[in-house]
Protein backbone atom coordinates (compact mmCIF):
# COMPACT_ATOMS: atom_id res chain seq x y z
CA MET A 1 0.00 0.00 0.00
CA THR A 2 1.42 3.36 -0.97
CA VAL A 3 0.36 6.67 0.50
CA ASP A 4 0.38 9.90 -1.47
CA TRP A 5 1.58 12.21 1.30
CA ASP A 6 1.15 15.31 -0.87
CA GLU A 7 -2.51 14.41 -1.31
CA GLN A 8 -2.88 13.77 2.41
CA ALA A 9 -1.32 17.15 3.18
CA ALA A 10 -3.69 18.82 0.72
CA ARG A 11 -6.70 17.15 2.33
CA SER A 12 -5.56 18.12 5.81
CA ALA A 13 -4.93 21.71 4.74
CA LYS A 14 -8.36 22.02 3.17
CA SER A 15 -9.94 20.53 6.27
CA TYR A 16 -8.16 23.01 8.54
CA MET A 17 -9.31 25.90 6.37
CA GLU A 18 -12.95 24.78 6.67
CA PHE A 19 -12.88 25.22 10.43
CA SER A 20 -10.33 27.94 11.06
CA SER A 21 -8.53 30.84 9.48
CA PHE A 22 -4.81 30.38 8.93
CA SER A 23 -2.15 32.46 7.30
CA ARG A 24 -0.07 30.57 4.75
CA GLN A 25 2.82 30.20 7.19
CA GLY A 26 0.49 29.29 10.04
CA LEU A 27 -1.04 26.51 7.97
CA ILE A 28 2.38 25.25 6.90
CA ASP A 29 3.52 25.25 10.54
CA GLN A 30 0.38 23.35 11.58
CA LEU A 31 0.88 20.72 8.89
CA LYS A 32 4.54 20.33 9.87
CA PHE A 33 3.44 19.92 13.50
CA GLU A 34 1.14 17.13 12.31
CA GLY A 35 4.17 15.33 10.84
CA PHE A 36 4.23 16.41 7.21
CA THR A 37 7.55 17.46 5.70
CA ALA A 38 8.12 21.11 4.78
CA ALA A 39 7.60 20.30 1.08
CA GLN A 40 4.39 18.40 1.79
CA ALA A 41 3.12 21.22 4.00
CA LYS A 42 3.81 23.79 1.28
CA HIS A 43 1.98 21.60 -1.22
CA GLY A 44 -0.97 21.44 1.17
CA ALA A 45 -1.03 25.22 1.55
CA ASP A 46 -0.93 25.61 -2.23
CA ALA A 47 -3.80 23.14 -2.60
CA ALA A 48 -5.82 25.09 -0.02
CA GLY A 49 -5.34 28.26 -2.05
CA LEU A 50 -2.85 29.98 0.20
């Protein structure tokens, strides 16, 4: 089983944005806190439109 971590980061980022307001850096920091790499977190922020 392979996991697309970029896709998971994008889903997490979009989910966070549904419930709270984050700056781009704040969202990246939150995703990194959750265990995503910096690159994955940036991809998530991009996917969330930030």
